[in-house]
Each structure stands twice: as C-alpha cells, then as structure tokens.
C-alpha cells in the first residue's frame, strides 16, 4: 500500500471558495453546513489542527447518528402514540407491571425471546407495544410495527418472488411487532403466511404480538387453518405472555369527554 502524499509547497493562504462543495462531495454535509461558524470559533479559540479535526468529526458523527435515528423511526411505522408516563396502571383490574417494565429495558432482544400481550380492546396493548418499539429504535435497533391485517395484506398482494423478499425483510428486522391479531378473521392462506413470519424469526429475532383473543380461540381467527398449533408452538416456546384484564380505557375516556361537554353546555 502506498503511503499518502502531502503537498510540499506552502498552502495557498487564500480561502478555498469550493471547500464547502468539496466537503459535501465527500459526504461531510454536516461539517459543510457549519463550516463558517466552526472555523470562526476555532480561530477565536486558537485551536490546533488536531482540535479542528476532532470537532469536525464530532459534528459529522452527531449528525449521522441523528439522521440514522430519524430514518429508523420513519421506517418503523410506529406512528403517533402516548408515552408510558401517561399509562394509568391502576385502571386494568389485572396487569403485570413488572413484566412490562422489564420489557421496556429490551432485555428480551438479546435472547431472541418474544413478548405476547393478551387482553380485550382498549386496555393499552398497542400503546405498550409502541413504547417498547420506540425504545428499541432509540437504542439503535431496526424495528417494524405492523397490524396483522396490514402485514398479511402486504404479503398476499406480492408475486411469489416478491413474497419471498418480503418474508426475508420481516425475518431480518431486529424487532417486529404484529399488532391486533384477532380483530379480523383470516383464511387459511393468511394463517400459513403468518406462520412463515413467526417461523423464520423463531430463535433468531424477537417478536412482539398483541391479541384480543385467548389462544384457544385462534381457530376463530383462522378458521380451517391446519397450522395454528404449530404456529403457537413457535410463538410461545420462548415467550413472555402477559394478560391484561379490565374495562376499555377508551370507553372510559369517551364517557368522560361526553360528561365534560354536557357540563360546558349548562
């Protein structure tokens, strides 16, 4: 390997008018954007060349980390959600707070374990799942949040080759969340596709799944499907299953809002 060469002539003392453009061309867009301010501050503080390079590296590293986070948040499709600080732990009649708070630490990811949230509508399953997924994105993991309906529709409409690519994508993301299993009924082909997603992640990557149906009622979600027992075997073998019980929080909020509107009219 040839050693790098450096100019032997004295550098031109005049500023390079193309420096910003050259920095952008080699990918140092954050440094280019802050170039004038950085050079002015460096001159004022009498930085050495090494200090200037260190600051340039810090600026670019921070900006790239920020862009990476924005991209992972966008790709995750988590969308808008309430933070766990707003979750009313006292509302459900049954909830395993320790299980959920431990899941928020993301300890299950390293062991490729699954988390399954079971409970009736309006008890916060989706909110909990979204918060865990968001924590995973912030920790640097790739995440994909999909409803069961959207995931299965996505797979159904693909060509055979496209379906294989989609299945690989669902298998490779660090954390996949499948929300709302049980809200709609699906045919046996959909059951086979969901089994493929779960099976390809089995003992490799973690999965979060939310459902409003006990497992014994999954034959109602996938009527005539032959793979339900095998699907549940793969899903639950290395999984934390937590059940939430109680009345719908959304119904409660709706009643409170209606009461408040009636009071304002008086």
C-alpha atoms as a PDB file:
ATOM      1  CA  UNK A   1       0.000   0.000   0.000  1.00  0.00           C
ATOM      2  CA  UNK A   2       1.355   3.394  -0.968  1.00  0.00           C
ATOM      3  CA  UNK A   3       1.848   5.950   1.769  1.00  0.00           C
ATOM      4  CA  UNK A   4      -0.324   9.058   1.484  1.00  0.00           C
ATOM      5  CA  UNK A   5       1.388  12.029  -0.035  1.00  0.00           C
ATOM      6  CA  UNK A   6       1.005  15.611   1.087  1.00  0.00           C
ATOM      7  CA  UNK A   7       1.730  18.826  -0.796  1.00  0.00           C
ATOM      8  CA  UNK A   8       5.286  20.045  -0.382  1.00  0.00           C
ATOM      9  CA  UNK A   9       4.507  23.607  -1.395  1.00  0.00           C
ATOM     10  CA  UNK A  10       3.274  26.178   1.069  1.00  0.00           C
ATOM     11  CA  UNK A  11      -0.556  26.062   1.130  1.00  0.00           C
ATOM     12  CA  UNK A  12      -2.394  28.897  -0.582  1.00  0.00           C
ATOM     13  CA  UNK A  13      -3.206  31.431   2.155  1.00  0.00           C
ATOM     14  CA  UNK A  14      -6.380  32.484   0.363  1.00  0.00           C
ATOM     15  CA  UNK A  15      -9.598  30.677   1.368  1.00  0.00           C
ATOM     16  CA  UNK A  16     -10.726  27.904  -0.969  1.00  0.00           C
ATOM     17  CA  UNK A  17     -14.101  29.067  -2.357  1.00  0.00           C
ATOM     18  CA  UNK A  18     -15.008  25.460  -3.214  1.00  0.00           C
ATOM     19  CA  UNK A  19     -14.288  23.967   0.212  1.00  0.00           C
ATOM     20  CA  UNK A  20     -17.933  23.630   1.236  1.00  0.00           C
ATOM     21  CA  UNK A  21     -18.791  21.938  -2.049  1.00  0.00           C
ATOM     22  CA  UNK A  22     -15.826  19.575  -1.716  1.00  0.00           C
ATOM     23  CA  UNK A  23     -16.857  18.630   1.810  1.00  0.00           C
ATOM     24  CA  UNK A  24     -20.378  17.868   0.598  1.00  0.00           C
ATOM     25  CA  UNK A  25     -18.989  15.795  -2.280  1.00  0.00           C
ATOM     26  CA  UNK A  26     -17.116  13.503   0.125  1.00  0.00           C
ATOM     27  CA  UNK A  27     -20.158  13.175   2.383  1.00  0.00           C
ATOM     28  CA  UNK A  28     -19.259  15.626   5.155  1.00  0.00           C
ATOM     29  CA  UNK A  29     -22.527  17.505   4.802  1.00  0.00           C
ATOM     30  CA  UNK A  30     -22.848  18.477   8.471  1.00  0.00           C
ATOM     31  CA  UNK A  31     -19.339  19.939   8.538  1.00  0.00           C
ATOM     32  CA  UNK A  32     -20.072  21.792   5.307  1.00  0.00           C
ATOM     33  CA  UNK A  33     -23.227  23.308   6.786  1.00  0.00           C
ATOM     34  CA  UNK A  34     -21.397  24.555   9.885  1.00  0.00           C
ATOM     35  CA  UNK A  35     -18.093  25.366   8.220  1.00  0.00           C
ATOM     36  CA  UNK A  36     -18.010  29.146   8.686  1.00  0.00           C
ATOM     37  CA  UNK A  37     -19.104  29.035  12.334  1.00  0.00           C
ATOM     38  CA  UNK A  38     -16.696  26.203  13.120  1.00  0.00           C
ATOM     39  CA  UNK A  39     -13.706  27.968  11.523  1.00  0.00           C
ATOM     40  CA  UNK A  40     -14.543  31.272  13.205  1.00  0.00           C
ATOM     41  CA  UNK A  41     -14.785  29.623  16.620  1.00  0.00           C
ATOM     42  CA  UNK A  42     -11.613  27.617  16.007  1.00  0.00           C
ATOM     43  CA  UNK A  43      -9.725  30.803  15.135  1.00  0.00           C
ATOM     44  CA  UNK A  44     -11.050  32.621  18.196  1.00  0.00           C
ATOM     45  CA  UNK A  45     -10.112  29.732  20.491  1.00  0.00           C
ATOM     46  CA  UNK A  46      -6.776  29.215  18.713  1.00  0.00           C
ATOM     47  CA  UNK A  47      -7.416  25.534  18.131  1.00  0.00           C
ATOM     48  CA  UNK A  48      -4.666  23.301  16.864  1.00  0.00           C
ATOM     49  CA  UNK A  49      -5.252  21.423  13.558  1.00  0.00           C
ATOM     50  CA  UNK A  50      -5.982  18.273  15.563  1.00  0.00           C
ATOM     51  CA  UNK A  51      -8.634  20.040  17.660  1.00  0.00           C
ATOM     52  CA  UNK A  52     -10.262  21.325  14.495  1.00  0.00           C
ATOM     53  CA  UNK A  53     -10.369  17.829  13.006  1.00  0.00           C
ATOM     54  CA  UNK A  54     -11.750  16.406  16.242  1.00  0.00           C
ATOM     55  CA  UNK A  55     -14.556  18.957  16.235  1.00  0.00           C
ATOM     56  CA  UNK A  56     -15.329  18.220  12.580  1.00  0.00           C
ATOM     57  CA  UNK A  57     -15.527  14.512  13.425  1.00  0.00           C
ATOM     58  CA  UNK A  58     -17.863  15.214  16.374  1.00  0.00           C
ATOM     59  CA  UNK A  59     -20.172  17.353  14.226  1.00  0.00           C
ATOM     60  CA  UNK A  60     -20.399  14.753  11.457  1.00  0.00           C
ATOM     61  CA  UNK A  61     -20.820  11.805  13.840  1.00  0.00           C
ATOM     62  CA  UNK A  62     -23.631  13.523  15.738  1.00  0.00           C
ATOM     63  CA  UNK A  63     -25.437  14.487  12.541  1.00  0.00           C
ATOM     64  CA  UNK A  64     -25.169  10.984  11.092  1.00  0.00           C
ATOM     65  CA  UNK A  65     -26.483   9.465  14.321  1.00  0.00           C
ATOM     66  CA  UNK A  66     -29.395  11.909  14.170  1.00  0.00           C
ATOM     67  CA  UNK A  67     -30.171  11.035  10.555  1.00  0.00           C
ATOM     68  CA  UNK A  68     -29.941   7.332  11.340  1.00  0.00           C
ATOM     69  CA  UNK A  69     -32.416   7.727  14.197  1.00  0.00           C
ATOM     70  CA  UNK A  70     -34.834   9.687  12.010  1.00  0.00           C
ATOM     71  CA  UNK A  71     -34.615   7.024   9.284  1.00  0.00           C
ATOM     72  CA  UNK A  72     -35.203   4.165  11.733  1.00  0.00           C
ATOM     73  CA  UNK A  73     -38.159   5.981  13.293  1.00  0.00           C
ATOM     74  CA  UNK A  74     -39.650   6.584   9.849  1.00  0.00           C
ATOM     75  CA  UNK A  75     -39.065   3.004   8.701  1.00  0.00           C
ATOM     76  CA  UNK A  76     -40.504   1.560  11.929  1.00  0.00           C
ATOM     77  CA  UNK A  77     -44.007   2.866  11.142  1.00  0.00           C
ATOM     78  CA  UNK A  78     -44.751   3.211  14.862  1.00  0.00           C
ATOM     79  CA  UNK A  79     -46.577   6.477  14.219  1.00  0.00           C
ATOM     80  CA  UNK A  80     -48.157   8.616  16.950  1.00  0.00           C
ATOM     81  CA  UNK A  81     -48.528   7.143  20.441  1.00  0.00           C
ATOM     82  CA  UNK A  82     -48.877   8.109  24.088  1.00  0.00           C
ATOM     83  CA  UNK A  83     -45.796   7.702  26.308  1.00  0.00           C
ATOM     84  CA  UNK A  84     -45.820   5.194  29.153  1.00  0.00           C
ATOM     85  CA  UNK A  85     -45.750   8.129  31.576  1.00  0.00           C
ATOM     86  CA  UNK A  86     -49.424   8.597  30.634  1.00  0.00           C
ATOM     87  CA  UNK A  87     -50.363   4.961  31.220  1.00  0.00           C
ATOM     88  CA  UNK A  88     -52.753   4.508  34.148  1.00  0.00           C
ATOM     89  CA  UNK A  89     -51.510   1.349  35.804  1.00  0.00           C
ATOM     90  CA  UNK A  90     -54.428   1.403  38.232  1.00  0.00           C
ATOM     91  CA  UNK A  91     -57.077   1.184  35.508  1.00  0.00           C
ATOM     92  CA  UNK A  92     -56.781  -2.503  34.475  1.00  0.00           C
ATOM     93  CA  UNK A  93     -58.045  -4.979  37.047  1.00  0.00           C
ATOM     94  CA  UNK A  94     -55.117  -7.236  36.161  1.00  0.00           C
ATOM     95  CA  UNK A  95     -51.750  -6.222  34.718  1.00  0.00           C
ATOM     96  CA  UNK A  96     -48.207  -7.497  35.300  1.00  0.00           C
ATOM     97  CA  UNK A  97     -46.391  -4.204  35.603  1.00  0.00           C
ATOM     98  CA  UNK A  98     -43.057  -5.855  36.347  1.00  0.00           C
ATOM     99  CA  UNK A  99     -43.194  -7.847  33.092  1.00  0.00           C
ATOM    100  CA  UNK A 100     -43.954  -4.754  31.025  1.00  0.00           C
ATOM    101  CA  UNK A 101     -41.363  -2.567  32.712  1.00  0.00           C
ATOM    102  CA  UNK A 102     -38.753  -5.289  32.239  1.00  0.00           C
ATOM    103  CA  UNK A 103     -39.676  -5.494  28.545  1.00  0.00           C
ATOM    104  CA  UNK A 104     -39.115  -1.722  28.307  1.00  0.00           C
ATOM    105  CA  UNK A 105     -35.444  -2.401  29.138  1.00  0.00           C
ATOM    106  CA  UNK A 106     -35.277  -4.518  25.933  1.00  0.00           C
ATOM    107  CA  UNK A 107     -33.635  -7.416  27.761  1.00  0.00           C
ATOM    108  CA  UNK A 108     -35.626  -9.927  25.700  1.00  0.00           C
ATOM    109  CA  UNK A 109     -33.964  -8.836  22.440  1.00  0.00           C
ATOM    110  CA  UNK A 110     -30.576 -10.309  23.281  1.00  0.00           C
ATOM    111  CA  UNK A 111     -32.188 -13.706  23.915  1.00  0.00           C
ATOM    112  CA  UNK A 112     -34.474 -13.580  20.841  1.00  0.00           C
ATOM    113  CA  UNK A 113     -37.467 -14.004  23.127  1.00  0.00           C
ATOM    114  CA  UNK A 114     -40.995 -12.940  22.219  1.00  0.00           C
ATOM    115  CA  UNK A 115     -43.483 -10.802  24.109  1.00  0.00           C
ATOM    116  CA  UNK A 116     -47.203 -11.517  23.726  1.00  0.00           C
ATOM    117  CA  UNK A 117     -49.775  -9.094  25.122  1.00  0.00           C
ATOM    118  CA  UNK A 118     -53.247 -10.590  25.554  1.00  0.00           C
ATOM    119  CA  UNK A 119     -56.310  -8.570  26.503  1.00  0.00           C
ATOM    120  CA  UNK A 120     -59.627  -7.100  25.473  1.00  0.00           C
ATOM    121  CA  UNK A 121     -59.894  -3.937  23.385  1.00  0.00           C
ATOM    122  CA  UNK A 122     -58.967  -0.594  24.925  1.00  0.00           C
ATOM    123  CA  UNK A 123     -56.599  -1.778  27.648  1.00  0.00           C
ATOM    124  CA  UNK A 124     -53.364  -0.341  26.250  1.00  0.00           C
ATOM    125  CA  UNK A 125     -51.773  -3.309  24.469  1.00  0.00           C
ATOM    126  CA  UNK A 126     -50.916  -1.276  21.384  1.00  0.00           C
ATOM    127  CA  UNK A 127     -49.676   1.668  23.467  1.00  0.00           C
ATOM    128  CA  UNK A 128     -47.347  -0.624  25.416  1.00  0.00           C
ATOM    129  CA  UNK A 129     -46.067  -2.279  22.241  1.00  0.00           C
ATOM    130  CA  UNK A 130     -45.445   1.084  20.573  1.00  0.00           C
ATOM    131  CA  UNK A 131     -43.449   2.325  23.562  1.00  0.00           C
ATOM    132  CA  UNK A 132     -41.267  -0.794  23.600  1.00  0.00           C
ATOM    133  CA  UNK A 133     -40.690  -0.480  19.860  1.00  0.00           C
ATOM    134  CA  UNK A 134     -39.807   3.204  20.241  1.00  0.00           C
ATOM    135  CA  UNK A 135     -37.316   2.352  22.992  1.00  0.00           C
ATOM    136  CA  UNK A 136     -35.745  -0.207  20.646  1.00  0.00           C
ATOM    137  CA  UNK A 137     -35.373   2.398  17.890  1.00  0.00           C
ATOM    138  CA  UNK A 138     -33.725   4.821  20.325  1.00  0.00           C
ATOM    139  CA  UNK A 139     -31.355   2.026  21.360  1.00  0.00           C
ATOM    140  CA  UNK A 140     -30.216   1.648  17.745  1.00  0.00           C
ATOM    141  CA  UNK A 141     -32.266  -1.365  16.637  1.00  0.00           C
ATOM    142  CA  UNK A 142     -34.195  -1.707  13.403  1.00  0.00           C
ATOM    143  CA  UNK A 143     -37.927  -2.020  14.139  1.00  0.00           C
ATOM    144  CA  UNK A 144     -41.098  -2.620  12.149  1.00  0.00           C
ATOM    145  CA  UNK A 145     -44.563  -2.115  13.643  1.00  0.00           C
ATOM    146  CA  UNK A 146     -47.456  -3.558  11.617  1.00  0.00           C
ATOM    147  CA  UNK A 147     -51.041  -4.572  12.246  1.00  0.00           C
ATOM    148  CA  UNK A 148     -51.754  -8.188  11.380  1.00  0.00           C
ATOM    149  CA  UNK A 149     -54.140  -7.012   8.680  1.00  0.00           C
ATOM    150  CA  UNK A 150     -51.547  -4.767   7.009  1.00  0.00           C
ATOM    151  CA  UNK A 151     -48.797  -7.390   7.226  1.00  0.00           C
ATOM    152  CA  UNK A 152     -50.925 -10.150   5.698  1.00  0.00           C
ATOM    153  CA  UNK A 153     -52.359  -7.869   3.009  1.00  0.00           C
ATOM    154  CA  UNK A 154     -48.816  -6.857   2.132  1.00  0.00           C
ATOM    155  CA  UNK A 155     -47.768 -10.499   1.733  1.00  0.00           C
ATOM    156  CA  UNK A 156     -50.898 -11.540  -0.173  1.00  0.00           C
ATOM    157  CA  UNK A 157     -50.517  -8.947  -2.915  1.00  0.00           C
ATOM    158  CA  UNK A 158     -46.930  -9.883  -3.760  1.00  0.00           C
ATOM    159  CA  UNK A 159     -45.732 -12.068  -6.587  1.00  0.00           C
ATOM    160  CA  UNK A 160     -44.083 -15.309  -5.403  1.00  0.00           C
ATOM    161  CA  UNK A 161     -40.647 -13.691  -5.747  1.00  0.00           C
ATOM    162  CA  UNK A 162     -41.826 -10.510  -4.067  1.00  0.00           C
ATOM    163  CA  UNK A 163     -43.340 -12.523  -1.236  1.00  0.00           C
ATOM    164  CA  UNK A 164     -40.021 -14.215  -0.571  1.00  0.00           C
ATOM    165  CA  UNK A 165     -38.305 -10.816  -0.405  1.00  0.00           C
ATOM    166  CA  UNK A 166     -40.959  -9.509   1.997  1.00  0.00           C
ATOM    167  CA  UNK A 167     -40.655 -12.586   4.201  1.00  0.00           C
ATOM    168  CA  UNK A 168     -36.885 -12.055   4.357  1.00  0.00           C
ATOM    169  CA  UNK A 169     -37.450  -8.423   5.306  1.00  0.00           C
ATOM    170  CA  UNK A 170     -39.858  -9.430   8.085  1.00  0.00           C
ATOM    171  CA  UNK A 171     -37.337 -12.036   9.246  1.00  0.00           C
ATOM    172  CA  UNK A 172     -34.323  -9.727   9.308  1.00  0.00           C
ATOM    173  CA  UNK A 173     -35.612  -6.674  11.171  1.00  0.00           C
ATOM    174  CA  UNK A 174     -34.278  -6.676  14.745  1.00  0.00           C
ATOM    175  CA  UNK A 175     -37.724  -6.285  16.325  1.00  0.00           C
ATOM    176  CA  UNK A 176     -41.033  -6.973  14.609  1.00  0.00           C
ATOM    177  CA  UNK A 177     -44.356  -6.066  16.216  1.00  0.00           C
ATOM    178  CA  UNK A 178     -47.570  -7.629  14.896  1.00  0.00           C
ATOM    179  CA  UNK A 179     -50.493  -5.725  16.362  1.00  0.00           C
ATOM    180  CA  UNK A 180     -54.194  -6.621  16.570  1.00  0.00           C
ATOM    181  CA  UNK A 181     -54.144 -10.338  15.855  1.00  0.00           C
ATOM    182  CA  UNK A 182     -57.735 -11.469  16.359  1.00  0.00           C
ATOM    183  CA  UNK A 183     -59.555  -8.275  15.429  1.00  0.00           C
ATOM    184  CA  UNK A 184     -60.351  -9.721  11.990  1.00  0.00           C
ATOM    185  CA  UNK A 185     -60.758 -13.253  10.677  1.00  0.00           C
ATOM    186  CA  UNK A 186     -58.378 -14.567   8.016  1.00  0.00           C
ATOM    187  CA  UNK A 187     -58.327 -17.506   5.657  1.00  0.00           C
ATOM    188  CA  UNK A 188     -56.003 -20.499   5.887  1.00  0.00           C
ATOM    189  CA  UNK A 189     -53.573 -18.933   3.391  1.00  0.00           C
ATOM    190  CA  UNK A 190     -53.158 -15.974   5.751  1.00  0.00           C
ATOM    191  CA  UNK A 191     -52.517 -18.385   8.609  1.00  0.00           C
ATOM    192  CA  UNK A 192     -49.789 -20.047   6.551  1.00  0.00           C
ATOM    193  CA  UNK A 193     -48.180 -16.674   5.824  1.00  0.00           C
ATOM    194  CA  UNK A 194     -48.264 -15.612   9.476  1.00  0.00           C
ATOM    195  CA  UNK A 195     -46.738 -18.956  10.404  1.00  0.00           C
ATOM    196  CA  UNK A 196     -43.915 -18.306   7.923  1.00  0.00           C
ATOM    197  CA  UNK A 197     -43.183 -14.920   9.502  1.00  0.00           C
ATOM    198  CA  UNK A 198     -43.153 -16.380  13.020  1.00  0.00           C
ATOM    199  CA  UNK A 199     -41.187 -19.468  11.996  1.00  0.00           C
ATOM    200  CA  UNK A 200     -38.454 -17.521  10.198  1.00  0.00           C
ATOM    201  CA  UNK A 201     -37.894 -15.407  13.324  1.00  0.00           C
ATOM    202  CA  UNK A 202     -38.046 -18.408  15.670  1.00  0.00           C
ATOM    203  CA  UNK A 203     -34.986 -18.449  17.954  1.00  0.00           C
ATOM    204  CA  UNK A 204     -33.359 -15.775  15.743  1.00  0.00           C
ATOM    205  CA  UNK A 205     -35.098 -12.438  16.367  1.00  0.00           C
ATOM    206  CA  UNK A 206     -37.657 -11.140  18.856  1.00  0.00           C
ATOM    207  CA  UNK A 207     -41.327 -10.607  18.101  1.00  0.00           C
ATOM    208  CA  UNK A 208     -43.992  -8.593  19.917  1.00  0.00           C
ATOM    209  CA  UNK A 209     -47.551  -9.673  19.257  1.00  0.00           C
ATOM    210  CA  UNK A 210     -50.793  -8.220  20.627  1.00  0.00           C
ATOM    211  CA  UNK A 211     -54.088 -10.079  20.531  1.00  0.00           C
ATOM    212  CA  UNK A 212     -57.571  -9.702  21.945  1.00  0.00           C
ATOM    213  CA  UNK A 213     -58.220 -13.435  21.680  1.00  0.00           C
ATOM    214  CA  UNK A 214     -57.125 -16.199  24.058  1.00  0.00           C
ATOM    215  CA  UNK A 215     -55.038 -18.756  22.198  1.00  0.00           C
ATOM    216  CA  UNK A 216     -57.813 -21.359  22.429  1.00  0.00           C
ATOM    217  CA  UNK A 217     -59.935 -19.031  20.249  1.00  0.00           C
ATOM    218  CA  UNK A 218     -57.379 -18.572  17.469  1.00  0.00           C
ATOM    219  CA  UNK A 219     -59.246 -21.175  15.417  1.00  0.00           C
ATOM    220  CA  UNK A 220     -61.940 -18.486  15.123  1.00  0.00           C
ATOM    221  CA  UNK A 221     -59.370 -16.019  13.784  1.00  0.00           C
ATOM    222  CA  UNK A 222     -58.024 -18.536  11.266  1.00  0.00           C
ATOM    223  CA  UNK A 223     -60.920 -20.907  10.512  1.00  0.00           C
ATOM    224  CA  UNK A 224     -59.916 -24.202   8.891  1.00  0.00           C
ATOM    225  CA  UNK A 225     -56.191 -23.431   9.221  1.00  0.00           C
ATOM    226  CA  UNK A 226     -54.089 -26.519   9.876  1.00  0.00           C
ATOM    227  CA  UNK A 227     -51.013 -24.696  11.183  1.00  0.00           C
ATOM    228  CA  UNK A 228     -52.421 -22.998  14.304  1.00  0.00           C
ATOM    229  CA  UNK A 229     -50.940 -25.460  16.800  1.00  0.00           C
ATOM    230  CA  UNK A 230     -47.508 -25.299  15.148  1.00  0.00           C
ATOM    231  CA  UNK A 231     -47.711 -21.504  14.886  1.00  0.00           C
ATOM    232  CA  UNK A 232     -48.469 -21.143  18.586  1.00  0.00           C
ATOM    233  CA  UNK A 233     -45.722 -23.634  19.422  1.00  0.00           C
ATOM    234  CA  UNK A 234     -43.124 -21.461  17.680  1.00  0.00           C
ATOM    235  CA  UNK A 235     -44.578 -18.197  19.014  1.00  0.00           C
ATOM    236  CA  UNK A 236     -44.815 -19.259  22.651  1.00  0.00           C
ATOM    237  CA  UNK A 237     -41.779 -21.541  23.063  1.00  0.00           C
ATOM    238  CA  UNK A 238     -39.504 -18.641  24.057  1.00  0.00           C
ATOM    239  CA  UNK A 239     -42.033 -16.025  25.050  1.00  0.00           C
ATOM    240  CA  UNK A 240     -43.279 -13.922  27.919  1.00  0.00           C
ATOM    241  CA  UNK A 241     -47.071 -13.961  27.790  1.00  0.00           C
ATOM    242  CA  UNK A 242     -48.792 -11.287  29.840  1.00  0.00           C
ATOM    243  CA  UNK A 243     -52.551 -10.898  30.192  1.00  0.00           C
ATOM    244  CA  UNK A 244     -54.275  -7.562  30.793  1.00  0.00           C
ATOM    245  CA  UNK A 245     -57.829  -7.552  32.109  1.00  0.00           C
ATOM    246  CA  UNK A 246     -60.367  -4.826  32.762  1.00  0.00           C
ATOM    247  CA  UNK A 247     -62.774  -2.458  31.045  1.00  0.00           C
ATOM    248  CA  UNK A 248     -61.897  -0.425  27.961  1.00  0.00           C
ATOM    249  CA  UNK A 249     -59.967   2.750  28.791  1.00  0.00           C
ATOM    250  CA  UNK A 250     -61.143   4.304  25.514  1.00  0.00           C
ATOM    251  CA  UNK A 251     -64.773   3.826  26.536  1.00  0.00           C
ATOM    252  CA  UNK A 252     -63.972   5.496  29.865  1.00  0.00           C
ATOM    253  CA  UNK A 253     -62.282   8.439  28.091  1.00  0.00           C
ATOM    254  CA  UNK A 254     -65.247   8.783  25.747  1.00  0.00           C
ATOM    255  CA  UNK A 255     -67.657   8.888  28.694  1.00  0.00           C
ATOM    256  CA  UNK A 256     -65.511  11.491  30.490  1.00  0.00           C
ATOM    257  CA  UNK A 257     -65.362  13.679  27.373  1.00  0.00           C
ATOM    258  CA  UNK A 258     -69.132  13.428  26.899  1.00  0.00           C
ATOM    259  CA  UNK A 259     -69.696  14.418  30.531  1.00  0.00           C
ATOM    260  CA  UNK A 260     -67.349  17.397  30.149  1.00  0.00           C
ATOM    261  CA  UNK A 261     -69.188  18.576  27.020  1.00  0.00           C
ATOM    262  CA  UNK A 262     -72.551  18.403  28.804  1.00  0.00           C
ATOM    263  CA  UNK A 263     -71.198  20.465  31.690  1.00  0.00           C
ATOM    264  CA  UNK A 264     -69.892  23.144  29.338  1.00  0.00           C
ATOM    265  CA  UNK A 265     -73.338  23.477  27.731  1.00  0.00           C
ATOM    266  CA  UNK A 266     -75.019  24.188  31.049  1.00  0.00           C
END
